[in-house]
Structures are given as structure tokens and as C-alpha cells.
Amino acid sequence: MFADGDWIESKDQASDGIRLIQTGNVGFGMYLDKPQNAKYISDDTFHRLNCLEIYAGDILISRLPEPAGRACLLPKSTERRITAVDCTVIRTDASVIDRNYLLQFLCSEQYLKTVNSFLAGGTRQRISRKNLEGIEVPYPSIDKQEYYGDFLCKVDTLVFNEEQRLSYITRLRCFMLQRLFI
């Protein structure tokens, strides 16, 4: 599945209910929980607007800058969730593409350069869902995808200092992606 989030206006928001995940929650390869900025909609609004519920394991891509195209894997939660219109939701078929592998590709320099080439708009540049969907993802066999995706996810737990971890992950990701995609 490849779909945009929902158009939720301020008047549609509530003080509790179903959590609205926004572009600010989409970090570079990681989900950024910001409970102090959390917004919600009611169950009635969810049904009235025919919203798309998102689940743990879905990949969210921000179509807005800083940078546009950044992606994260939605973690487990006890809350029901939806996402805003400027986020694209990808739900993979595990027999075809491994979501951890795809997330690693979505963090690659090659992918972000491609996204950047499609940015349009005046004051708020963004990539359209159509252009985002048209970006070709190179992928090897599912076994290799699972191996590389799992390996890079495990590396996240090896380094405890956040700055060191990000530096190490970035360098390792670049090295592995050069081997995979070039």
C-alpha cells in the first residue's frame, strides 16, 4: 500500500482520542515521539473523514523538507493512530520487500538526491505522492533484503552515545548502500 495521510484541519482536532502523527514525528530513519505536541481526533471524526489508520511496521515518509523524503518505521503503541496529509504511508508485502531494508534505502543519499530533484512549490517545497511513488527502489532477493535490513537495525543497539551512533550508522549505511545500489 502506498497512500497519503489524511487532511485534518484544526477544527477537526480533539483533546484526546486517535493520535495524529505529523511530519515532525518523522525523523531521519527514526520515529520521533513528541507527546507534548500530540494532537488527536475523535472516533466520530475518524469515521466522518474516512481516515486511514496506521499501524506498527508502517513506513511514514515526510513529503515536506528538512529533508523531504525522510522516513521512519512506526513503532508499536497502545494508541490508535492516523497521519497527516503531508506524510505518505507505505505498508509493504513482506514476501516482496523487507520493510527494514526499504527504510535503509529511504535513508540513502541516492534516494534523498532523487527526492530533492522532484521538489516543487514556492514557500513550502514538497514532493508529490505521485513523484514519490515513481522513485525506483532497487532490491535484491528477499533473503538479502532481510539480511541487510536486520543487520543495520541491530547496529542501532551497538553504540549508546546518540551522536556516535548516528555518525556510525550514517557511515555504515553509506558503505553498505554503495555495495547494494551502485
N, C-alpha and C. Protein backbone atom coordinates (compact mmCIF):
# COMPACT_ATOMS: atom_id res chain seq x y z
N MET A 1 0.84 -1.17 0.00
CA MET A 1 0.00 0.00 0.00
C MET A 1 0.89 1.24 0.00
N PHE A 2 0.50 2.22 -0.76
CA PHE A 2 1.22 3.49 -0.87
C PHE A 2 0.14 4.56 -0.89
N ALA A 3 -0.05 5.28 0.23
CA ALA A 3 -1.16 6.23 0.34
C ALA A 3 -0.76 7.46 1.14
N ASP A 4 -1.44 8.56 0.89
CA ASP A 4 -1.22 9.76 1.69
C ASP A 4 -2.02 9.67 2.97
N GLY A 5 -1.56 10.44 3.95
CA GLY A 5 -2.30 10.56 5.19
C GLY A 5 -3.57 11.37 4.96
N ASP A 6 -4.17 11.77 6.04
CA ASP A 6 -5.48 12.43 5.98
C ASP A 6 -5.37 13.95 6.14
N TRP A 7 -6.33 14.66 5.52
CA TRP A 7 -6.41 16.11 5.64
C TRP A 7 -7.19 16.40 6.91
N ILE A 8 -6.47 16.79 7.95
CA ILE A 8 -7.10 17.08 9.24
C ILE A 8 -6.92 18.57 9.52
N GLU A 9 -8.01 19.28 9.60
CA GLU A 9 -7.96 20.71 9.91
C GLU A 9 -8.02 20.91 11.42
N SER A 10 -7.63 22.10 11.84
CA SER A 10 -7.64 22.43 13.28
C SER A 10 -9.01 22.17 13.90
N LYS A 11 -10.07 22.51 13.16
CA LYS A 11 -11.44 22.33 13.68
C LYS A 11 -11.80 20.86 13.90
N ASP A 12 -11.05 19.95 13.25
CA ASP A 12 -11.31 18.51 13.37
C ASP A 12 -10.60 17.89 14.57
N GLN A 13 -9.68 18.63 15.20
CA GLN A 13 -8.86 18.07 16.27
C GLN A 13 -9.61 18.05 17.60
N ALA A 14 -9.19 17.12 18.45
CA ALA A 14 -9.79 16.93 19.77
C ALA A 14 -8.68 16.87 20.82
N SER A 15 -9.05 16.88 22.08
CA SER A 15 -8.06 16.84 23.15
C SER A 15 -7.56 15.42 23.43
N ASP A 16 -8.30 14.42 22.97
CA ASP A 16 -7.86 13.03 23.11
C ASP A 16 -8.55 12.20 22.05
N GLY A 17 -8.21 10.92 22.00
CA GLY A 17 -8.81 10.03 21.01
C GLY A 17 -7.75 9.35 20.18
N ILE A 18 -7.83 9.48 18.88
CA ILE A 18 -6.92 8.83 17.95
C ILE A 18 -5.78 9.81 17.65
N ARG A 19 -4.56 9.36 17.86
CA ARG A 19 -3.37 10.23 17.74
C ARG A 19 -3.09 10.58 16.29
N LEU A 20 -2.82 11.86 16.05
CA LEU A 20 -2.44 12.36 14.73
C LEU A 20 -0.92 12.45 14.67
N ILE A 21 -0.31 11.60 13.87
CA ILE A 21 1.14 11.62 13.68
C ILE A 21 1.43 12.61 12.55
N GLN A 22 2.35 13.54 12.81
CA GLN A 22 2.63 14.60 11.86
C GLN A 22 4.05 14.49 11.30
N THR A 23 4.37 15.36 10.36
CA THR A 23 5.70 15.31 9.74
C THR A 23 6.81 15.52 10.77
N GLY A 24 6.53 16.26 11.82
CA GLY A 24 7.52 16.47 12.88
C GLY A 24 7.85 15.22 13.65
N ASN A 25 7.03 14.19 13.54
CA ASN A 25 7.31 12.91 14.19
C ASN A 25 8.18 12.00 13.33
N VAL A 26 8.39 12.41 12.07
CA VAL A 26 9.17 11.59 11.14
C VAL A 26 10.61 12.09 11.14
N GLY A 27 11.47 11.34 11.81
CA GLY A 27 12.89 11.69 11.83
C GLY A 27 13.60 11.01 10.68
N PHE A 28 14.89 11.20 10.63
CA PHE A 28 15.71 10.60 9.59
C PHE A 28 16.02 9.15 9.98
N GLY A 29 15.15 8.24 9.58
CA GLY A 29 15.33 6.82 9.89
C GLY A 29 14.76 6.42 11.24
N MET A 30 14.18 7.37 11.98
CA MET A 30 13.63 7.02 13.28
C MET A 30 12.37 7.84 13.58
N TYR A 31 11.50 7.22 14.35
CA TYR A 31 10.27 7.87 14.79
C TYR A 31 10.60 8.79 15.96
N LEU A 32 10.09 10.01 15.92
CA LEU A 32 10.31 10.98 16.99
C LEU A 32 9.00 11.20 17.74
N ASP A 33 8.88 10.58 18.89
CA ASP A 33 7.66 10.76 19.66
C ASP A 33 7.74 12.11 20.36
N LYS A 34 6.72 12.91 20.21
CA LYS A 34 6.67 14.24 20.82
C LYS A 34 5.34 14.39 21.55
N PRO A 35 5.21 13.70 22.70
CA PRO A 35 3.92 13.70 23.39
C PRO A 35 3.45 15.09 23.79
N GLN A 36 4.38 16.00 24.04
CA GLN A 36 3.99 17.36 24.43
C GLN A 36 3.32 18.11 23.29
N ASN A 37 3.53 17.69 22.04
CA ASN A 37 2.92 18.33 20.88
C ASN A 37 1.81 17.48 20.25
N ALA A 38 1.41 16.42 20.94
CA ALA A 38 0.45 15.48 20.37
C ALA A 38 -0.89 16.12 20.07
N LYS A 39 -1.43 15.74 18.94
CA LYS A 39 -2.77 16.18 18.53
C LYS A 39 -3.60 14.92 18.30
N TYR A 40 -4.91 15.08 18.42
CA TYR A 40 -5.81 13.93 18.33
C TYR A 40 -7.05 14.30 17.53
N ILE A 41 -7.76 13.25 17.12
CA ILE A 41 -9.11 13.42 16.57
C ILE A 41 -10.02 12.44 17.29
N SER A 42 -11.29 12.73 17.29
CA SER A 42 -12.26 11.84 17.93
C SER A 42 -12.57 10.66 17.01
N ASP A 43 -13.15 9.64 17.59
CA ASP A 43 -13.56 8.47 16.82
C ASP A 43 -14.62 8.86 15.78
N ASP A 44 -15.52 9.77 16.15
CA ASP A 44 -16.54 10.24 15.21
C ASP A 44 -15.90 10.93 14.00
N THR A 45 -14.90 11.78 14.26
CA THR A 45 -14.19 12.46 13.17
C THR A 45 -13.45 11.45 12.31
N PHE A 46 -12.85 10.46 12.93
CA PHE A 46 -12.15 9.39 12.20
C PHE A 46 -13.09 8.76 11.17
N HIS A 47 -14.30 8.46 11.59
CA HIS A 47 -15.27 7.82 10.68
C HIS A 47 -15.85 8.82 9.67
N ARG A 48 -16.14 10.03 10.12
CA ARG A 48 -16.70 11.04 9.23
C ARG A 48 -15.75 11.38 8.09
N LEU A 49 -14.44 11.46 8.38
CA LEU A 49 -13.45 11.80 7.36
C LEU A 49 -12.89 10.56 6.64
N ASN A 50 -13.36 9.38 7.05
CA ASN A 50 -12.89 8.12 6.45
C ASN A 50 -11.36 8.04 6.48
N CYS A 51 -10.80 8.22 7.67
CA CYS A 51 -9.35 8.27 7.84
C CYS A 51 -8.71 6.90 7.69
N LEU A 52 -7.44 6.93 7.32
CA LEU A 52 -6.62 5.72 7.18
C LEU A 52 -5.88 5.48 8.49
N GLU A 53 -6.18 4.39 9.16
CA GLU A 53 -5.46 4.07 10.39
C GLU A 53 -4.09 3.51 10.03
N ILE A 54 -3.07 3.93 10.80
CA ILE A 54 -1.71 3.44 10.56
C ILE A 54 -1.30 2.53 11.71
N TYR A 55 -0.38 1.60 11.42
CA TYR A 55 -0.04 0.56 12.37
C TYR A 55 1.48 0.42 12.53
N ALA A 56 1.88 -0.21 13.63
CA ALA A 56 3.29 -0.52 13.85
C ALA A 56 3.82 -1.27 12.63
N GLY A 57 4.99 -0.86 12.16
CA GLY A 57 5.57 -1.50 10.98
C GLY A 57 5.31 -0.74 9.70
N ASP A 58 4.34 0.18 9.70
CA ASP A 58 4.15 1.03 8.52
C ASP A 58 5.34 1.97 8.42
N ILE A 59 5.71 2.31 7.20
CA ILE A 59 6.75 3.30 6.98
C ILE A 59 6.08 4.62 6.64
N LEU A 60 6.51 5.68 7.32
CA LEU A 60 5.99 7.02 7.05
C LEU A 60 7.08 7.82 6.37
N ILE A 61 6.72 8.54 5.31
CA ILE A 61 7.65 9.40 4.60
C ILE A 61 7.10 10.82 4.64
N SER A 62 7.92 11.76 5.11
CA SER A 62 7.52 13.16 5.10
C SER A 62 7.74 13.72 3.71
N ARG A 63 6.72 14.36 3.17
CA ARG A 63 6.85 14.97 1.84
C ARG A 63 7.31 16.42 1.96
N LEU A 64 7.47 16.91 3.19
CA LEU A 64 7.95 18.27 3.44
C LEU A 64 9.45 18.24 3.75
N PRO A 65 10.14 19.38 3.58
CA PRO A 65 11.59 19.44 3.79
C PRO A 65 12.07 19.23 5.22
N GLU A 66 13.36 19.21 5.27
CA GLU A 66 14.21 19.09 6.48
C GLU A 66 14.57 17.64 6.75
N PRO A 67 14.95 16.80 5.86
CA PRO A 67 14.76 16.93 4.42
C PRO A 67 13.47 16.26 3.97
N ALA A 68 12.99 16.66 2.81
CA ALA A 68 11.84 15.98 2.20
C ALA A 68 12.26 14.56 1.89
N GLY A 69 11.38 13.62 2.10
CA GLY A 69 11.67 12.22 1.82
C GLY A 69 12.16 11.45 3.03
N ARG A 70 12.44 12.14 4.15
CA ARG A 70 12.90 11.40 5.33
C ARG A 70 11.82 10.42 5.74
N ALA A 71 12.26 9.32 6.31
CA ALA A 71 11.31 8.24 6.59
C ALA A 71 11.59 7.60 7.94
N CYS A 72 10.55 6.98 8.49
CA CYS A 72 10.70 6.23 9.74
C CYS A 72 9.74 5.04 9.73
N LEU A 73 10.06 4.11 10.58
CA LEU A 73 9.21 2.94 10.80
C LEU A 73 8.35 3.24 12.02
N LEU A 74 7.06 3.10 11.90
CA LEU A 74 6.15 3.39 13.01
C LEU A 74 6.29 2.30 14.07
N PRO A 75 6.60 2.69 15.31
CA PRO A 75 6.78 1.69 16.37
C PRO A 75 5.44 1.22 16.93
N LYS A 76 5.52 0.22 17.78
CA LYS A 76 4.32 -0.28 18.47
C LYS A 76 3.81 0.80 19.40
N SER A 77 2.52 0.78 19.62
CA SER A 77 1.89 1.75 20.52
C SER A 77 0.55 1.19 20.99
N THR A 78 0.12 1.66 22.11
CA THR A 78 -1.21 1.28 22.60
C THR A 78 -2.27 2.21 22.03
N GLU A 79 -1.83 3.34 21.43
CA GLU A 79 -2.76 4.30 20.85
C GLU A 79 -3.13 3.93 19.42
N ARG A 80 -4.34 4.25 19.03
CA ARG A 80 -4.72 4.20 17.62
C ARG A 80 -4.12 5.44 16.98
N ARG A 81 -3.73 5.35 15.69
CA ARG A 81 -3.05 6.48 15.06
C ARG A 81 -3.48 6.65 13.61
N ILE A 82 -3.39 7.91 13.18
CA ILE A 82 -3.54 8.28 11.77
C ILE A 82 -2.38 9.21 11.48
N THR A 83 -2.22 9.61 10.22
CA THR A 83 -1.17 10.57 9.90
C THR A 83 -1.71 11.69 9.02
N ALA A 84 -0.95 12.77 9.00
CA ALA A 84 -1.35 13.97 8.26
C ALA A 84 -1.11 13.79 6.76
N VAL A 85 -1.72 14.66 5.99
CA VAL A 85 -1.69 14.58 4.53
C VAL A 85 -0.28 14.71 3.96
N ASP A 86 0.62 15.40 4.65
CA ASP A 86 1.98 15.55 4.13
C ASP A 86 2.88 14.38 4.48
N CYS A 87 2.30 13.30 4.97
CA CYS A 87 3.03 12.04 5.19
C CYS A 87 2.47 10.99 4.24
N THR A 88 3.34 10.24 3.65
CA THR A 88 2.92 9.11 2.83
C THR A 88 3.13 7.85 3.65
N VAL A 89 2.19 6.93 3.55
CA VAL A 89 2.23 5.67 4.29
C VAL A 89 2.57 4.55 3.32
N ILE A 90 3.56 3.76 3.70
CA ILE A 90 3.90 2.57 2.91
C ILE A 90 3.71 1.36 3.82
N ARG A 91 2.92 0.43 3.35
CA ARG A 91 2.73 -0.85 4.04
C ARG A 91 3.21 -1.91 3.06
N THR A 92 4.30 -2.57 3.39
CA THR A 92 4.93 -3.49 2.44
C THR A 92 4.34 -4.89 2.50
N ASP A 93 4.53 -5.60 1.40
CA ASP A 93 4.24 -7.03 1.33
C ASP A 93 5.55 -7.72 1.68
N ALA A 94 5.60 -8.34 2.86
CA ALA A 94 6.84 -8.93 3.37
C ALA A 94 7.43 -10.00 2.47
N SER A 95 6.65 -10.56 1.57
CA SER A 95 7.19 -11.59 0.68
C SER A 95 7.94 -10.96 -0.50
N VAL A 96 7.78 -9.64 -0.69
CA VAL A 96 8.41 -8.94 -1.81
C VAL A 96 9.52 -8.01 -1.36
N ILE A 97 9.23 -7.23 -0.32
CA ILE A 97 10.23 -6.26 0.16
C ILE A 97 10.22 -6.18 1.68
N ASP A 98 11.39 -6.25 2.25
CA ASP A 98 11.57 -6.18 3.69
C ASP A 98 11.50 -4.72 4.13
N ARG A 99 10.65 -4.41 5.10
CA ARG A 99 10.47 -3.01 5.49
C ARG A 99 11.72 -2.39 6.10
N ASN A 100 12.54 -3.18 6.80
CA ASN A 100 13.79 -2.63 7.34
C ASN A 100 14.77 -2.30 6.22
N TYR A 101 14.82 -3.14 5.21
CA TYR A 101 15.66 -2.88 4.05
C TYR A 101 15.17 -1.61 3.33
N LEU A 102 13.86 -1.52 3.13
CA LEU A 102 13.31 -0.35 2.46
C LEU A 102 13.62 0.92 3.24
N LEU A 103 13.49 0.86 4.55
CA LEU A 103 13.80 2.03 5.38
C LEU A 103 15.26 2.45 5.19
N GLN A 104 16.16 1.47 5.11
CA GLN A 104 17.57 1.80 4.90
C GLN A 104 17.76 2.50 3.55
N PHE A 105 17.07 2.02 2.53
CA PHE A 105 17.17 2.68 1.22
C PHE A 105 16.63 4.11 1.30
N LEU A 106 15.52 4.29 2.03
CA LEU A 106 14.90 5.61 2.14
C LEU A 106 15.77 6.59 2.94
N CYS A 107 16.82 6.10 3.54
CA CYS A 107 17.77 6.96 4.25
C CYS A 107 19.06 7.15 3.45
N SER A 108 19.09 6.61 2.25
CA SER A 108 20.32 6.68 1.45
C SER A 108 20.46 8.04 0.76
N GLU A 109 21.69 8.42 0.52
CA GLU A 109 21.98 9.67 -0.17
C GLU A 109 21.40 9.64 -1.59
N GLN A 110 21.49 8.49 -2.23
CA GLN A 110 20.95 8.34 -3.59
C GLN A 110 19.46 8.67 -3.62
N TYR A 111 18.72 8.11 -2.71
CA TYR A 111 17.27 8.34 -2.64
C TYR A 111 16.96 9.81 -2.35
N LEU A 112 17.63 10.39 -1.35
CA LEU A 112 17.35 11.78 -0.98
C LEU A 112 17.70 12.75 -2.10
N LYS A 113 18.73 12.47 -2.87
CA LYS A 113 19.06 13.30 -4.03
C LYS A 113 17.94 13.23 -5.07
N THR A 114 17.40 12.04 -5.27
CA THR A 114 16.30 11.86 -6.22
C THR A 114 15.07 12.63 -5.74
N VAL A 115 14.74 12.51 -4.47
CA VAL A 115 13.60 13.25 -3.91
C VAL A 115 13.81 14.74 -4.13
N ASN A 116 15.00 15.21 -3.84
CA ASN A 116 15.31 16.65 -3.97
C ASN A 116 15.09 17.15 -5.40
N SER A 117 15.33 16.28 -6.38
CA SER A 117 15.16 16.69 -7.78
C SER A 117 13.70 16.87 -8.16
N PHE A 118 12.80 16.35 -7.36
CA PHE A 118 11.36 16.44 -7.63
C PHE A 118 10.64 17.51 -6.81
N LEU A 119 11.35 18.21 -5.93
CA LEU A 119 10.70 19.19 -5.07
C LEU A 119 10.08 20.31 -5.89
N ALA A 120 8.89 20.72 -5.49
CA ALA A 120 8.17 21.80 -6.18
C ALA A 120 7.42 22.61 -5.15
N GLY A 121 7.08 23.83 -5.51
CA GLY A 121 6.32 24.69 -4.63
C GLY A 121 7.11 25.94 -4.31
N GLY A 122 6.39 26.98 -3.96
CA GLY A 122 7.01 28.27 -3.68
C GLY A 122 7.68 28.33 -2.33
N THR A 123 6.92 28.72 -1.32
CA THR A 123 7.49 28.89 0.01
C THR A 123 7.65 27.58 0.77
N ARG A 124 6.80 26.62 0.49
CA ARG A 124 6.91 25.31 1.15
C ARG A 124 7.09 24.24 0.10
N GLN A 125 8.33 23.97 -0.22
CA GLN A 125 8.58 22.95 -1.23
C GLN A 125 8.24 21.58 -0.66
N ARG A 126 7.77 20.73 -1.54
CA ARG A 126 7.44 19.35 -1.16
C ARG A 126 7.51 18.48 -2.38
N ILE A 127 7.48 17.18 -2.15
CA ILE A 127 7.42 16.22 -3.25
C ILE A 127 6.00 15.67 -3.29
N SER A 128 5.45 15.53 -4.47
CA SER A 128 4.10 14.97 -4.60
C SER A 128 4.15 13.47 -4.34
N ARG A 129 3.01 12.93 -3.94
CA ARG A 129 2.95 11.48 -3.72
C ARG A 129 3.21 10.76 -5.04
N LYS A 130 2.70 11.31 -6.13
CA LYS A 130 2.91 10.68 -7.45
C LYS A 130 4.40 10.58 -7.77
N ASN A 131 5.15 11.66 -7.56
CA ASN A 131 6.59 11.62 -7.83
C ASN A 131 7.32 10.71 -6.85
N LEU A 132 6.89 10.72 -5.60
CA LEU A 132 7.48 9.85 -4.59
C LEU A 132 7.28 8.38 -4.97
N GLU A 133 6.09 8.08 -5.41
CA GLU A 133 5.74 6.71 -5.80
C GLU A 133 6.53 6.25 -7.04
N GLY A 134 6.93 7.21 -7.88
CA GLY A 134 7.66 6.87 -9.10
C GLY A 134 9.14 6.60 -8.90
N ILE A 135 9.66 6.84 -7.70
CA ILE A 135 11.08 6.60 -7.45
C ILE A 135 11.32 5.09 -7.41
N GLU A 136 12.23 4.64 -8.24
CA GLU A 136 12.53 3.22 -8.32
C GLU A 136 13.40 2.77 -7.15
N VAL A 137 13.00 1.68 -6.54
CA VAL A 137 13.75 1.10 -5.43
C VAL A 137 14.43 -0.16 -5.92
N PRO A 138 15.77 -0.14 -5.95
CA PRO A 138 16.47 -1.37 -6.34
C PRO A 138 16.44 -2.35 -5.18
N TYR A 139 16.12 -3.58 -5.47
CA TYR A 139 16.13 -4.53 -4.37
C TYR A 139 16.57 -5.92 -4.84
N PRO A 140 17.44 -6.53 -4.03
CA PRO A 140 17.89 -7.89 -4.31
C PRO A 140 16.84 -8.89 -3.83
N SER A 141 17.21 -10.14 -3.73
CA SER A 141 16.29 -11.17 -3.25
C SER A 141 15.82 -10.83 -1.84
N ILE A 142 14.69 -11.37 -1.46
CA ILE A 142 14.13 -11.11 -0.14
C ILE A 142 15.09 -11.57 0.96
N ASP A 143 15.82 -12.64 0.73
CA ASP A 143 16.79 -13.11 1.73
C ASP A 143 17.88 -12.07 1.98
N LYS A 144 18.41 -11.48 0.91
CA LYS A 144 19.44 -10.45 1.06
C LYS A 144 18.85 -9.20 1.70
N GLN A 145 17.64 -8.84 1.32
CA GLN A 145 17.00 -7.68 1.93
C GLN A 145 16.87 -7.87 3.45
N GLU A 146 16.38 -9.05 3.85
CA GLU A 146 16.20 -9.32 5.27
C GLU A 146 17.54 -9.29 6.00
N TYR A 147 18.58 -9.83 5.38
CA TYR A 147 19.89 -9.85 5.99
C TYR A 147 20.39 -8.42 6.22
N TYR A 148 20.41 -7.60 5.18
CA TYR A 148 20.92 -6.23 5.31
C TYR A 148 20.03 -5.37 6.20
N GLY A 149 18.72 -5.48 6.03
CA GLY A 149 17.81 -4.70 6.86
C GLY A 149 17.93 -5.04 8.32
N ASP A 150 18.00 -6.33 8.63
CA ASP A 150 18.13 -6.78 10.01
C ASP A 150 19.48 -6.36 10.60
N PHE A 151 20.53 -6.51 9.80
CA PHE A 151 21.87 -6.16 10.26
C PHE A 151 21.94 -4.68 10.65
N LEU A 152 21.45 -3.81 9.79
CA LEU A 152 21.52 -2.38 10.08
C LEU A 152 20.64 -1.99 11.26
N CYS A 153 19.53 -2.66 11.43
CA CYS A 153 18.68 -2.37 12.60
C CYS A 153 19.37 -2.80 13.89
N LYS A 154 20.08 -3.93 13.85
CA LYS A 154 20.80 -4.40 15.03
C LYS A 154 21.95 -3.48 15.39
N VAL A 155 22.59 -2.89 14.39
CA VAL A 155 23.70 -1.98 14.64
C VAL A 155 23.24 -0.82 15.51
N ASP A 156 22.00 -0.42 15.38
CA ASP A 156 21.45 0.67 16.19
C ASP A 156 21.65 0.43 17.68
N THR A 157 21.66 -0.81 18.11
CA THR A 157 21.76 -1.11 19.53
C THR A 157 23.21 -1.23 20.01
N LEU A 158 24.19 -1.15 19.11
CA LEU A 158 25.59 -1.36 19.49
C LEU A 158 26.25 -0.14 20.13
N VAL A 159 25.89 1.04 19.72
CA VAL A 159 26.55 2.25 20.20
C VAL A 159 25.54 3.03 21.04
N PHE A 160 25.95 3.42 22.24
CA PHE A 160 25.00 4.02 23.16
C PHE A 160 24.94 5.54 23.10
N ASN A 161 26.03 6.21 22.81
CA ASN A 161 26.03 7.66 22.69
C ASN A 161 25.31 8.02 21.41
N GLU A 162 24.26 8.85 21.49
CA GLU A 162 23.42 9.14 20.32
C GLU A 162 24.21 9.76 19.17
N GLU A 163 25.09 10.69 19.48
CA GLU A 163 25.89 11.33 18.42
C GLU A 163 26.81 10.31 17.74
N GLN A 164 27.45 9.46 18.52
CA GLN A 164 28.33 8.43 17.97
C GLN A 164 27.52 7.43 17.15
N ARG A 165 26.36 7.06 17.69
CA ARG A 165 25.52 6.09 17.00
C ARG A 165 25.10 6.62 15.63
N LEU A 166 24.65 7.88 15.58
CA LEU A 166 24.22 8.45 14.30
C LEU A 166 25.37 8.55 13.30
N SER A 167 26.53 8.93 13.78
CA SER A 167 27.71 9.03 12.91
C SER A 167 28.08 7.64 12.37
N TYR A 168 28.12 6.66 13.27
CA TYR A 168 28.48 5.30 12.89
C TYR A 168 27.46 4.72 11.91
N ILE A 169 26.20 4.88 12.23
CA ILE A 169 25.13 4.35 11.37
C ILE A 169 25.20 5.00 9.99
N THR A 170 25.40 6.30 9.94
CA THR A 170 25.46 7.01 8.66
C THR A 170 26.61 6.48 7.81
N ARG A 171 27.77 6.34 8.40
CA ARG A 171 28.93 5.83 7.65
C ARG A 171 28.72 4.39 7.20
N LEU A 172 28.20 3.55 8.10
CA LEU A 172 27.96 2.15 7.76
C LEU A 172 26.89 2.03 6.68
N ARG A 173 25.82 2.81 6.81
CA ARG A 173 24.74 2.78 5.83
C ARG A 173 25.28 3.17 4.45
N CYS A 174 26.07 4.24 4.39
CA CYS A 174 26.64 4.68 3.12
C CYS A 174 27.49 3.57 2.49
N PHE A 175 28.32 2.93 3.31
CA PHE A 175 29.18 1.85 2.81
C PHE A 175 28.33 0.71 2.25
N MET A 176 27.34 0.27 3.02
CA MET A 176 26.52 -0.87 2.58
C MET A 176 25.67 -0.50 1.37
N LEU A 177 25.12 0.70 1.35
CA LEU A 177 24.27 1.09 0.21
C LEU A 177 25.10 1.23 -1.06
N GLN A 178 26.34 1.65 -0.94
CA GLN A 178 27.20 1.69 -2.13
C GLN A 178 27.36 0.29 -2.70
N ARG A 179 27.48 -0.67 -1.83
CA ARG A 179 27.65 -2.06 -2.27
C ARG A 179 26.36 -2.62 -2.88
N LEU A 180 25.20 -2.17 -2.34
CA LEU A 180 23.93 -2.71 -2.78
C LEU A 180 23.38 -2.03 -4.04
N PHE A 181 23.43 -0.70 -4.07
CA PHE A 181 22.69 0.05 -5.06
C PHE A 181 23.53 0.61 -6.19
N ILE A 182 24.84 0.45 -6.12
CA ILE A 182 25.66 1.03 -7.18
C ILE A 182 26.28 -0.07 -8.02
